[in-house]
């Protein structure tokens, strides 16, 4: 599993192509993604048909483990996240790392979920 995660991550970092939100990969990612600016609010994603998904990078966040039961459990855990951007299809560029500079939304999802969409 670790080898496939490393391989998929290296492919993503080197990839310049965008992903259509209407593709099976796009639908899978959006199903579990959270928009960075809106927090945990329920969002209708039907508007994203004319957007592309552009991978932005991987992030690791250290946080308190709220599910600690015993003294031996890990109290601080690292959460691995993937950040991606929804860019309007007509302005999304494969030549730009960011994909687009206006009309976009940044989202995060668990890294394993992001990679599972590719595998």
C-alpha atoms as a PDB file:
ATOM      1  CA  UNK A   1       0.000   0.000   0.000  1.00  0.00           C
ATOM      2  CA  UNK A   2       2.801   2.429   0.898  1.00  0.00           C
ATOM      3  CA  UNK A   3       4.491   1.843  -2.468  1.00  0.00           C
ATOM      4  CA  UNK A   4       1.276   2.617  -4.339  1.00  0.00           C
ATOM      5  CA  UNK A   5       0.758   5.800  -2.271  1.00  0.00           C
ATOM      6  CA  UNK A   6       4.286   6.987  -3.013  1.00  0.00           C
ATOM      7  CA  UNK A   7       3.909   6.176  -6.714  1.00  0.00           C
ATOM      8  CA  UNK A   8       0.522   7.867  -6.985  1.00  0.00           C
ATOM      9  CA  UNK A   9       1.740  10.946  -5.106  1.00  0.00           C
ATOM     10  CA  UNK A  10       4.773  11.299  -7.354  1.00  0.00           C
ATOM     11  CA  UNK A  11       2.533  10.983 -10.415  1.00  0.00           C
ATOM     12  CA  UNK A  12       0.203  13.650  -9.063  1.00  0.00           C
ATOM     13  CA  UNK A  13       3.010  16.071  -8.311  1.00  0.00           C
ATOM     14  CA  UNK A  14       4.388  15.660 -11.824  1.00  0.00           C
ATOM     15  CA  UNK A  15       0.985  15.699 -13.503  1.00  0.00           C
ATOM     16  CA  UNK A  16      -0.095  18.862 -15.183  1.00  0.00           C
ATOM     17  CA  UNK A  17      -3.447  17.631 -16.500  1.00  0.00           C
ATOM     18  CA  UNK A  18      -6.713  18.657 -14.938  1.00  0.00           C
ATOM     19  CA  UNK A  19      -9.573  16.300 -14.042  1.00  0.00           C
ATOM     20  CA  UNK A  20     -13.134  16.907 -15.218  1.00  0.00           C
ATOM     21  CA  UNK A  21     -15.579  17.208 -12.321  1.00  0.00           C
ATOM     22  CA  UNK A  22     -18.047  15.113 -14.309  1.00  0.00           C
ATOM     23  CA  UNK A  23     -15.596  12.177 -14.546  1.00  0.00           C
ATOM     24  CA  UNK A  24     -15.774   9.269 -12.094  1.00  0.00           C
ATOM     25  CA  UNK A  25     -12.576  10.520 -10.409  1.00  0.00           C
ATOM     26  CA  UNK A  26     -14.001  14.028 -10.091  1.00  0.00           C
ATOM     27  CA  UNK A  27     -17.311  12.822  -8.651  1.00  0.00           C
ATOM     28  CA  UNK A  28     -15.499  10.572  -6.180  1.00  0.00           C
ATOM     29  CA  UNK A  29     -13.316  13.414  -4.911  1.00  0.00           C
ATOM     30  CA  UNK A  30     -16.116  15.941  -4.564  1.00  0.00           C
ATOM     31  CA  UNK A  31     -18.274  13.492  -2.645  1.00  0.00           C
ATOM     32  CA  UNK A  32     -15.919  13.677   0.366  1.00  0.00           C
ATOM     33  CA  UNK A  33     -14.202  17.046  -0.139  1.00  0.00           C
ATOM     34  CA  UNK A  34     -14.622  20.067   2.099  1.00  0.00           C
ATOM     35  CA  UNK A  35     -14.339  23.597   0.775  1.00  0.00           C
ATOM     36  CA  UNK A  36     -11.681  25.508   2.690  1.00  0.00           C
ATOM     37  CA  UNK A  37     -13.598  28.770   3.053  1.00  0.00           C
ATOM     38  CA  UNK A  38     -17.005  27.339   4.019  1.00  0.00           C
ATOM     39  CA  UNK A  39     -16.047  24.887   6.768  1.00  0.00           C
ATOM     40  CA  UNK A  40     -18.348  21.930   7.349  1.00  0.00           C
ATOM     41  CA  UNK A  41     -21.515  23.326   5.752  1.00  0.00           C
ATOM     42  CA  UNK A  42     -23.496  21.051   3.428  1.00  0.00           C
ATOM     43  CA  UNK A  43     -22.911  22.238  -0.143  1.00  0.00           C
ATOM     44  CA  UNK A  44     -24.723  21.483  -3.405  1.00  0.00           C
ATOM     45  CA  UNK A  45     -22.042  20.496  -5.931  1.00  0.00           C
ATOM     46  CA  UNK A  46     -24.309  20.337  -8.990  1.00  0.00           C
ATOM     47  CA  UNK A  47     -22.850  23.642 -10.244  1.00  0.00           C
ATOM     48  CA  UNK A  48     -19.389  22.123 -10.853  1.00  0.00           C
ATOM     49  CA  UNK A  49     -20.172  20.561 -14.224  1.00  0.00           C
ATOM     50  CA  UNK A  50     -18.158  23.274 -15.994  1.00  0.00           C
ATOM     51  CA  UNK A  51     -15.139  23.048 -13.691  1.00  0.00           C
ATOM     52  CA  UNK A  52     -11.913  21.044 -13.704  1.00  0.00           C
ATOM     53  CA  UNK A  53     -10.021  19.673 -10.708  1.00  0.00           C
ATOM     54  CA  UNK A  54      -6.411  20.846 -10.483  1.00  0.00           C
ATOM     55  CA  UNK A  55      -4.159  19.185  -7.865  1.00  0.00           C
ATOM     56  CA  UNK A  56      -2.437  21.805  -5.674  1.00  0.00           C
ATOM     57  CA  UNK A  57      -0.380  19.769  -3.212  1.00  0.00           C
ATOM     58  CA  UNK A  58      -0.145  17.525  -0.179  1.00  0.00           C
ATOM     59  CA  UNK A  59      -0.310  18.778   3.397  1.00  0.00           C
ATOM     60  CA  UNK A  60       0.311  17.195   6.783  1.00  0.00           C
ATOM     61  CA  UNK A  61      -1.495  18.555   9.829  1.00  0.00           C
ATOM     62  CA  UNK A  62      -0.750  17.543  13.411  1.00  0.00           C
ATOM     63  CA  UNK A  63      -3.811  17.413  15.636  1.00  0.00           C
ATOM     64  CA  UNK A  64      -5.105  16.008  18.904  1.00  0.00           C
ATOM     65  CA  UNK A  65      -6.441  12.447  18.661  1.00  0.00           C
ATOM     66  CA  UNK A  66      -9.950  12.707  20.153  1.00  0.00           C
ATOM     67  CA  UNK A  67     -10.437   8.932  19.999  1.00  0.00           C
ATOM     68  CA  UNK A  68      -7.820   8.070  22.650  1.00  0.00           C
ATOM     69  CA  UNK A  69      -9.087   5.255  24.873  1.00  0.00           C
ATOM     70  CA  UNK A  70      -6.070   4.015  26.761  1.00  0.00           C
ATOM     71  CA  UNK A  71      -2.790   5.386  28.064  1.00  0.00           C
ATOM     72  CA  UNK A  72      -0.896   3.581  25.282  1.00  0.00           C
ATOM     73  CA  UNK A  73      -2.849   5.233  22.437  1.00  0.00           C
ATOM     74  CA  UNK A  74      -1.254   7.973  20.363  1.00  0.00           C
ATOM     75  CA  UNK A  75      -2.468  11.341  21.651  1.00  0.00           C
ATOM     76  CA  UNK A  76      -1.207  13.440  18.749  1.00  0.00           C
ATOM     77  CA  UNK A  77      -1.778  12.251  15.191  1.00  0.00           C
ATOM     78  CA  UNK A  78      -0.768  13.443  11.753  1.00  0.00           C
ATOM     79  CA  UNK A  79      -3.545  13.874   9.214  1.00  0.00           C
ATOM     80  CA  UNK A  80      -2.513  13.702   5.553  1.00  0.00           C
ATOM     81  CA  UNK A  81      -4.519  15.904   3.205  1.00  0.00           C
ATOM     82  CA  UNK A  82      -4.625  16.670  -0.515  1.00  0.00           C
ATOM     83  CA  UNK A  83      -5.571  20.165  -1.663  1.00  0.00           C
ATOM     84  CA  UNK A  84      -7.125  20.725  -5.051  1.00  0.00           C
ATOM     85  CA  UNK A  85      -8.702  23.615  -6.888  1.00  0.00           C
ATOM     86  CA  UNK A  86     -11.891  23.764  -8.940  1.00  0.00           C
ATOM     87  CA  UNK A  87     -11.127  25.934 -11.962  1.00  0.00           C
ATOM     88  CA  UNK A  88     -13.626  27.018 -14.625  1.00  0.00           C
ATOM     89  CA  UNK A  89     -13.029  24.792 -17.670  1.00  0.00           C
ATOM     90  CA  UNK A  90     -12.623  27.748 -20.030  1.00  0.00           C
ATOM     91  CA  UNK A  91      -9.810  29.329 -17.942  1.00  0.00           C
ATOM     92  CA  UNK A  92      -8.044  26.224 -16.567  1.00  0.00           C
ATOM     93  CA  UNK A  93      -4.516  25.943 -17.909  1.00  0.00           C
ATOM     94  CA  UNK A  94      -2.207  22.927 -17.910  1.00  0.00           C
ATOM     95  CA  UNK A  95       0.728  25.360 -18.258  1.00  0.00           C
ATOM     96  CA  UNK A  96       0.022  26.963 -14.857  1.00  0.00           C
ATOM     97  CA  UNK A  97       0.552  25.033 -11.629  1.00  0.00           C
ATOM     98  CA  UNK A  98      -2.389  26.842 -10.017  1.00  0.00           C
ATOM     99  CA  UNK A  99      -4.593  26.084 -13.034  1.00  0.00           C
ATOM    100  CA  UNK A 100      -6.470  29.399 -12.856  1.00  0.00           C
ATOM    101  CA  UNK A 101      -6.309  32.740 -11.081  1.00  0.00           C
ATOM    102  CA  UNK A 102      -9.982  33.700 -10.694  1.00  0.00           C
ATOM    103  CA  UNK A 103     -13.392  32.104 -10.269  1.00  0.00           C
ATOM    104  CA  UNK A 104     -11.971  29.100  -8.406  1.00  0.00           C
ATOM    105  CA  UNK A 105     -12.539  27.326  -5.086  1.00  0.00           C
ATOM    106  CA  UNK A 106      -9.923  25.470  -3.027  1.00  0.00           C
ATOM    107  CA  UNK A 107     -10.879  22.143  -1.428  1.00  0.00           C
ATOM    108  CA  UNK A 108      -9.254  19.537   0.799  1.00  0.00           C
ATOM    109  CA  UNK A 109      -9.807  15.830   1.173  1.00  0.00           C
ATOM    110  CA  UNK A 110      -8.006  13.028   2.997  1.00  0.00           C
ATOM    111  CA  UNK A 111      -4.924  12.016   0.978  1.00  0.00           C
ATOM    112  CA  UNK A 112      -5.911   8.335   0.946  1.00  0.00           C
ATOM    113  CA  UNK A 113      -9.316   9.263  -0.495  1.00  0.00           C
ATOM    114  CA  UNK A 114      -7.684  11.433  -3.156  1.00  0.00           C
ATOM    115  CA  UNK A 115      -5.266   8.686  -4.163  1.00  0.00           C
ATOM    116  CA  UNK A 116      -7.943   5.964  -4.091  1.00  0.00           C
ATOM    117  CA  UNK A 117      -9.766   7.923  -6.779  1.00  0.00           C
ATOM    118  CA  UNK A 118      -6.770   7.366  -9.076  1.00  0.00           C
ATOM    119  CA  UNK A 119      -6.149   3.713  -8.270  1.00  0.00           C
END
